[in-house]
Amino acid sequence: MLGYVTPEKGELKLREFEVYGAYYCGICRSVAARRGQFPRLALSYDFVFLAMLLSSVFDGQDALTPFRCLVHPMKKRAEVKASPVIEYAADMMLLSAYYKLRDDRIDDKSPRGAAGEILLRRAIRGISADYAGKAHEIAARMEEIGRLESERCASFDRVSEPFALIMSEMLDYSGSGREYAQDDHAPALSYALRRIGYNLGKWIYLIDAYDDAEDDARRGSYNPLSLCYGFGSAENAGESAALFRERIAERVRLSATLYLSEAAETAALLPLKKNKDILENVMYMGLLRRTEEVVSGNGKKRKGI
């Protein structure tokens, strides 16, 4: 994920904000305990949503434990007690970060991407051993994305499909091989989680492509929306990147809203045991706000992982 899946923080109650932060800290400390210190640099709020969603389905009540953080030493913070779900979300975050950094190295010749990729390799070997099937599937889909992008695929649906399937795979904790996720309800949960992940993946790929349209045009980089909607074609000769964004804004807004609607409708079917208000905040407010920020051009561009 790319920094887009966040809540509408101003609408969170104080306790909800504390719980949300505790999940972030729980993921951070899980990474440090199992994968080392350097991988903590890949922390992303996107995966707080993944951890909270899966924990709400598969875990009991949250156990918040106070601790002192070296980065914020003046005040005690809280973390969600480590669990297989927290570990899983942390590992999926590192996999996502690794491939994002590798993509930056290949596409932009980024020194940061090359350095980050090297620093994460040891952790990725461990994750690939723990989740062999998922790691293999994600790697194969990333190769497919790279091939389609190198071919300058002009079909948004086609090039966004592998990323949507990656997100589908990541959200399917019931298919992770963890023993206590295998119960009588696993097939139904697997279907619902994959459907949510698929639509979130489509939404993320769409919003990121639109967000990057002007930068990609300036660099001459591949952008599926530019090819799909004829930016720079003979028919639209002389059109600026800003005018191109304006021309396709309503189409992007409508498609993004449809993806989010499908994800939210499926999420409403999940047997959530806790943190329902926080998850609904993300699904119904945070993601819609982020859509509007990107489409209107009023949001601060979020780079990184």
Protein backbone atom coordinates (compact mmCIF):
# COMPACT_ATOMS: atom_id res chain seq x y z
CA MET A 1 0.00 0.00 0.00
CA LEU A 2 1.11 3.56 -0.58
CA GLY A 3 0.04 5.70 2.35
CA TYR A 4 -3.58 6.14 1.29
CA VAL A 5 -5.44 3.83 3.71
CA THR A 6 -5.83 5.99 6.81
CA PRO A 7 -8.71 7.11 9.06
CA GLU A 8 -10.36 10.49 9.31
CA LYS A 9 -8.43 11.26 12.48
CA GLY A 10 -10.52 14.26 13.46
CA GLU A 11 -13.56 11.99 13.76
CA LEU A 12 -11.89 9.45 16.05
CA LYS A 13 -12.71 9.55 19.75
CA LEU A 14 -9.78 9.84 22.15
CA ARG A 15 -9.92 6.16 23.09
CA GLU A 16 -10.19 5.13 19.45
CA PHE A 17 -7.16 7.22 18.56
CA GLU A 18 -5.23 5.53 21.39
CA VAL A 19 -6.19 2.07 20.13
CA TYR A 20 -5.26 2.99 16.56
CA GLY A 21 -1.85 4.19 17.74
CA ALA A 22 -1.41 1.06 19.85
CA TYR A 23 -1.78 -1.10 16.76
CA TYR A 24 0.88 0.96 15.00
CA CYS A 25 3.23 0.49 17.94
CA GLY A 26 2.38 -3.21 18.15
CA ILE A 27 3.35 -3.68 14.50
CA CYS A 28 6.56 -1.71 15.01
CA ARG A 29 7.64 -3.73 18.04
CA SER A 30 6.69 -7.00 16.34
CA VAL A 31 8.99 -6.13 13.44
CA ALA A 32 11.85 -5.27 15.83
CA ALA A 33 11.45 -8.47 17.85
CA ARG A 34 11.28 -10.86 14.89
CA ARG A 35 12.87 -9.17 11.87
CA GLY A 36 15.40 -6.69 13.29
CA GLN A 37 15.75 -2.93 13.69
CA PHE A 38 16.30 -1.78 10.10
CA PRO A 39 12.97 -3.14 8.81
CA ARG A 40 11.17 -0.82 11.22
CA LEU A 41 11.94 1.97 8.75
CA ALA A 42 9.27 0.44 6.50
CA LEU A 43 6.45 1.20 8.94
CA SER A 44 3.22 2.27 7.26
CA TYR A 45 -0.14 3.32 8.69
CA ASP A 46 -1.79 1.44 5.81
CA PHE A 47 -1.08 -1.82 7.58
CA VAL A 48 -2.65 -0.65 10.82
CA PHE A 49 -5.93 -1.04 8.95
CA LEU A 50 -4.97 -4.58 7.91
CA ALA A 51 -3.99 -5.52 11.46
CA MET A 52 -7.16 -4.02 12.95
CA LEU A 53 -9.45 -5.62 10.40
CA LEU A 54 -7.97 -9.11 10.79
CA SER A 55 -7.71 -8.79 14.56
CA SER A 56 -11.36 -7.76 14.70
CA VAL A 57 -12.29 -11.00 12.94
CA PHE A 58 -9.82 -13.50 14.41
CA ASP A 59 -8.72 -12.15 17.83
CA GLY A 60 -10.39 -11.46 21.15
CA GLN A 61 -10.37 -8.14 22.98
CA ASP A 62 -7.37 -5.87 22.63
CA ALA A 63 -4.81 -5.97 25.42
CA LEU A 64 -3.06 -2.59 25.51
CA THR A 65 0.30 -2.60 27.31
CA PRO A 66 2.16 0.60 28.26
CA PHE A 67 5.83 0.95 27.33
CA ARG A 68 8.44 3.62 26.76
CA CYS A 69 9.51 4.27 23.18
CA LEU A 70 13.06 5.43 22.45
CA VAL A 71 11.72 7.68 19.70
CA HIS A 72 9.13 9.26 22.04
CA PRO A 73 10.71 8.90 25.51
CA MET A 74 8.86 11.67 27.36
CA LYS A 75 5.53 9.89 27.64
CA LYS A 76 4.53 6.26 27.94
CA ARG A 77 2.79 4.84 24.89
CA ALA A 78 0.56 1.80 24.49
CA GLU A 79 0.95 -1.20 22.23
CA VAL A 80 -1.44 -3.96 21.30
CA LYS A 81 -0.17 -7.24 22.69
CA ALA A 82 1.64 -9.32 20.07
CA SER A 83 -0.46 -12.00 18.35
CA PRO A 84 -0.22 -14.07 15.16
CA VAL A 85 -2.43 -11.47 13.44
CA ILE A 86 -0.13 -8.59 14.39
CA GLU A 87 2.88 -10.61 13.21
CA TYR A 88 1.13 -11.42 9.94
CA ALA A 89 0.24 -7.77 9.26
CA ALA A 90 3.81 -6.73 10.06
CA ASP A 91 5.21 -9.30 7.64
CA MET A 92 2.81 -8.32 4.85
CA MET A 93 3.88 -4.71 5.41
CA LEU A 94 7.54 -5.65 4.93
CA LEU A 95 6.74 -7.61 1.77
CA SER A 96 4.87 -4.61 0.38
CA ALA A 97 7.71 -2.26 1.32
CA TYR A 98 10.32 -4.53 -0.24
CA TYR A 99 8.59 -4.63 -3.62
CA LYS A 100 7.88 -0.89 -3.53
CA LEU A 101 11.58 -0.20 -2.93
CA ARG A 102 12.58 -2.64 -5.64
CA ASP A 103 10.18 -0.94 -8.02
CA ASP A 104 11.70 2.45 -7.18
CA ARG A 105 15.18 1.06 -7.87
CA ILE A 106 14.19 -0.37 -11.23
CA ASP A 107 11.91 2.41 -12.48
CA ASP A 108 13.54 5.54 -11.03
CA LYS A 109 17.10 4.30 -10.38
CA SER A 110 16.48 5.39 -6.79
CA PRO A 111 19.45 5.03 -4.39
CA ARG A 112 16.96 4.96 -1.53
CA GLY A 113 15.13 2.10 -3.20
CA ALA A 114 18.35 0.14 -3.76
CA ALA A 115 19.53 0.66 -0.17
CA GLY A 116 16.14 -0.22 1.31
CA GLU A 117 15.86 -3.34 -0.80
CA ILE A 118 19.23 -4.57 0.50
CA LEU A 119 18.34 -3.81 4.12
CA LEU A 120 15.09 -5.77 3.87
CA ARG A 121 16.43 -8.87 2.11
CA ARG A 122 17.18 -10.84 5.26
CA ALA A 123 13.71 -10.16 6.66
CA ILE A 124 12.11 -11.09 3.35
CA ARG A 125 13.89 -14.45 3.34
CA GLY A 126 12.35 -15.20 6.73
CA ILE A 127 8.88 -14.08 5.64
CA SER A 128 9.14 -16.13 2.43
CA ALA A 129 9.90 -19.19 4.54
CA ASP A 130 7.00 -18.54 6.95
CA TYR A 131 4.45 -17.78 4.22
CA ALA A 132 5.89 -19.61 1.22
CA GLY A 133 2.65 -19.82 -0.76
CA LYS A 134 1.71 -16.19 -0.27
CA ALA A 135 5.24 -14.91 -0.91
CA HIS A 136 5.41 -16.89 -4.16
CA GLU A 137 2.02 -15.61 -5.30
CA ILE A 138 2.88 -12.00 -4.50
CA ALA A 139 6.26 -12.26 -6.26
CA ALA A 140 4.59 -13.71 -9.36
CA ARG A 141 2.02 -10.91 -9.45
CA MET A 142 4.75 -8.28 -9.05
CA GLU A 143 6.58 -9.77 -12.03
CA GLU A 144 3.34 -9.57 -14.00
CA ILE A 145 2.95 -5.89 -13.10
CA GLY A 146 6.52 -5.22 -14.19
CA ARG A 147 5.98 -6.98 -17.51
CA LEU A 148 2.75 -5.09 -18.25
CA GLU A 149 4.31 -1.77 -17.33
CA SER A 150 7.37 -2.45 -19.50
CA GLU A 151 4.99 -3.25 -22.37
CA ARG A 152 3.26 0.09 -21.64
CA CYS A 153 -0.09 -1.62 -21.30
CA ALA A 154 -2.89 0.82 -22.18
CA SER A 155 -5.64 -1.10 -20.36
CA PHE A 156 -6.10 0.10 -16.79
CA ASP A 157 -8.20 -2.94 -15.86
CA ARG A 158 -5.52 -5.31 -17.12
CA VAL A 159 -2.53 -3.64 -15.48
CA SER A 160 -4.32 -3.02 -12.16
CA GLU A 161 -5.50 -6.64 -11.92
CA PRO A 162 -2.24 -8.14 -10.54
CA PHE A 163 -2.03 -5.47 -7.83
CA ALA A 164 -5.66 -6.08 -6.86
CA LEU A 165 -4.86 -9.80 -6.58
CA ILE A 166 -1.83 -9.02 -4.39
CA MET A 167 -4.04 -7.07 -2.00
CA SER A 168 -6.57 -9.89 -2.13
CA GLU A 169 -3.83 -12.33 -1.12
CA MET A 170 -2.58 -10.12 1.70
CA LEU A 171 -6.00 -9.66 3.27
CA ASP A 172 -6.80 -13.37 3.20
CA TYR A 173 -5.47 -14.25 6.64
CA SER A 174 -7.84 -17.23 6.81
CA GLY A 175 -5.72 -18.76 4.08
CA SER A 176 -2.41 -17.97 5.74
CA GLY A 177 -1.85 -21.44 7.14
CA ARG A 178 -2.17 -20.27 10.74
CA GLU A 179 -3.82 -23.07 12.66
CA TYR A 180 -6.46 -21.10 14.52
CA ALA A 181 -7.61 -19.38 11.32
CA GLN A 182 -8.72 -22.72 9.91
CA ASP A 183 -12.27 -23.27 11.13
CA ASP A 184 -15.70 -23.96 9.71
CA HIS A 185 -16.11 -20.33 8.67
CA ALA A 186 -12.74 -20.04 6.90
CA PRO A 187 -14.06 -20.37 3.30
CA ALA A 188 -16.64 -17.59 3.78
CA LEU A 189 -14.13 -15.37 5.56
CA SER A 190 -11.54 -16.03 2.88
CA TYR A 191 -13.97 -14.97 0.15
CA ALA A 192 -14.99 -11.77 1.98
CA LEU A 193 -11.45 -10.74 2.87
CA ARG A 194 -10.23 -11.39 -0.66
CA ARG A 195 -13.10 -9.34 -2.07
CA ILE A 196 -12.27 -6.42 0.21
CA GLY A 197 -8.58 -6.66 -0.68
CA TYR A 198 -9.31 -6.88 -4.40
CA ASN A 199 -11.39 -3.71 -4.45
CA LEU A 200 -8.97 -1.84 -2.19
CA GLY A 201 -6.18 -2.87 -4.56
CA LYS A 202 -8.07 -1.49 -7.56
CA TRP A 203 -8.75 1.72 -5.65
CA ILE A 204 -5.12 2.16 -4.54
CA TYR A 205 -3.75 1.54 -8.04
CA LEU A 206 -6.24 4.01 -9.53
CA ILE A 207 -5.67 6.76 -6.98
CA ASP A 208 -1.89 6.36 -7.14
CA ALA A 209 -1.88 6.53 -10.94
CA TYR A 210 -4.01 9.68 -10.90
CA ASP A 211 -1.92 11.19 -8.09
CA ASP A 212 1.27 10.58 -10.12
CA ALA A 213 -0.07 11.70 -13.52
CA GLU A 214 1.69 15.06 -13.65
CA ASP A 215 4.99 13.75 -12.25
CA ASP A 216 4.94 10.81 -14.66
CA ALA A 217 4.24 13.14 -17.59
CA ARG A 218 7.17 15.34 -16.61
CA ARG A 219 9.53 12.37 -16.32
CA GLY A 220 8.14 10.49 -19.30
CA SER A 221 7.31 7.56 -17.02
CA TYR A 222 4.65 4.94 -17.60
CA ASN A 223 1.18 5.83 -16.34
CA PRO A 224 -1.78 3.58 -17.20
CA LEU A 225 -4.34 6.40 -17.08
CA SER A 226 -2.33 8.52 -19.52
CA LEU A 227 -2.31 5.70 -22.05
CA CYS A 228 -5.87 4.62 -21.36
CA TYR A 229 -7.31 8.11 -21.86
CA GLY A 230 -5.02 9.30 -24.64
CA PHE A 231 -2.86 11.86 -22.90
CA GLY A 232 -0.28 13.08 -25.42
CA SER A 233 -2.09 11.48 -28.36
CA ALA A 234 -2.65 13.26 -31.66
CA GLU A 235 -6.27 13.81 -30.70
CA ASN A 236 -5.23 15.60 -27.51
CA ALA A 237 -2.10 17.32 -28.77
CA GLY A 238 -1.05 20.25 -26.65
CA GLU A 239 -3.03 19.15 -23.61
CA SER A 240 -1.18 19.83 -20.36
CA ALA A 241 -0.98 17.26 -17.56
CA ALA A 242 -3.15 19.52 -15.39
CA LEU A 243 -5.86 19.69 -18.07
CA PHE A 244 -5.61 15.92 -18.55
CA ARG A 245 -6.25 15.38 -14.84
CA GLU A 246 -9.22 17.73 -15.03
CA ARG A 247 -10.60 15.91 -18.09
CA ILE A 248 -10.63 12.49 -16.41
CA ALA A 249 -11.36 13.62 -12.84
CA GLU A 250 -15.03 12.62 -12.78
CA ARG A 251 -14.30 9.21 -14.30
CA VAL A 252 -11.64 8.57 -11.66
CA ARG A 253 -13.90 9.80 -8.86
CA LEU A 254 -16.74 7.53 -9.99
CA SER A 255 -14.54 4.45 -10.41
CA ALA A 256 -12.84 5.04 -7.06
CA THR A 257 -16.19 5.40 -5.31
CA LEU A 258 -17.49 2.19 -6.86
CA TYR A 259 -14.43 0.24 -5.68
CA LEU A 260 -14.80 1.62 -2.16
CA SER A 261 -18.52 0.91 -2.13
CA GLU A 262 -17.92 -2.73 -3.03
CA ALA A 263 -15.21 -3.06 -0.37
CA ALA A 264 -17.38 -1.43 2.32
CA GLU A 265 -20.44 -3.55 1.49
CA THR A 266 -18.36 -6.71 1.80
CA ALA A 267 -16.71 -5.53 5.02
CA ALA A 268 -20.16 -5.00 6.53
CA LEU A 269 -20.72 -8.77 6.26
CA LEU A 270 -17.71 -9.66 8.41
CA PRO A 271 -18.27 -10.82 12.02
CA LEU A 272 -16.32 -7.98 13.65
CA LYS A 273 -15.67 -8.53 17.35
CA LYS A 274 -14.19 -5.11 18.16
CA ASN A 275 -13.04 -1.73 16.81
CA LYS A 276 -15.99 -1.54 14.44
CA ASP A 277 -16.24 2.25 14.75
CA ILE A 278 -12.57 2.73 13.83
CA LEU A 279 -12.80 0.41 10.84
CA GLU A 280 -15.97 2.13 9.63
CA ASN A 281 -14.18 5.47 10.04
CA VAL A 282 -11.50 4.27 7.62
CA MET A 283 -13.90 2.68 5.14
CA TYR A 284 -16.61 5.35 5.08
CA MET A 285 -14.69 8.55 5.82
CA GLY A 286 -10.92 8.19 5.53
CA LEU A 287 -10.83 6.55 2.10
CA LEU A 288 -13.51 8.83 0.65
CA ARG A 289 -11.69 11.89 1.99
CA ARG A 290 -8.45 10.67 0.47
CA THR A 291 -10.19 10.10 -2.85
CA GLU A 292 -11.50 13.64 -2.88
CA GLU A 293 -8.12 15.08 -1.86
CA VAL A 294 -6.35 13.35 -4.71
CA VAL A 295 -8.98 13.99 -7.36
CA SER A 296 -9.41 17.65 -6.41
CA GLY A 297 -5.65 18.15 -6.14
CA ASN A 298 -5.99 19.63 -2.65
CA GLY A 299 -4.29 16.85 -0.74
CA LYS A 300 -0.63 16.65 0.18
CA LYS A 301 1.02 14.04 -2.02
CA ARG A 302 2.10 11.08 0.10
CA LYS A 303 5.25 9.43 -1.03
CA GLY A 304 7.15 6.55 0.46
CA ILE A 305 5.96 3.26 1.88
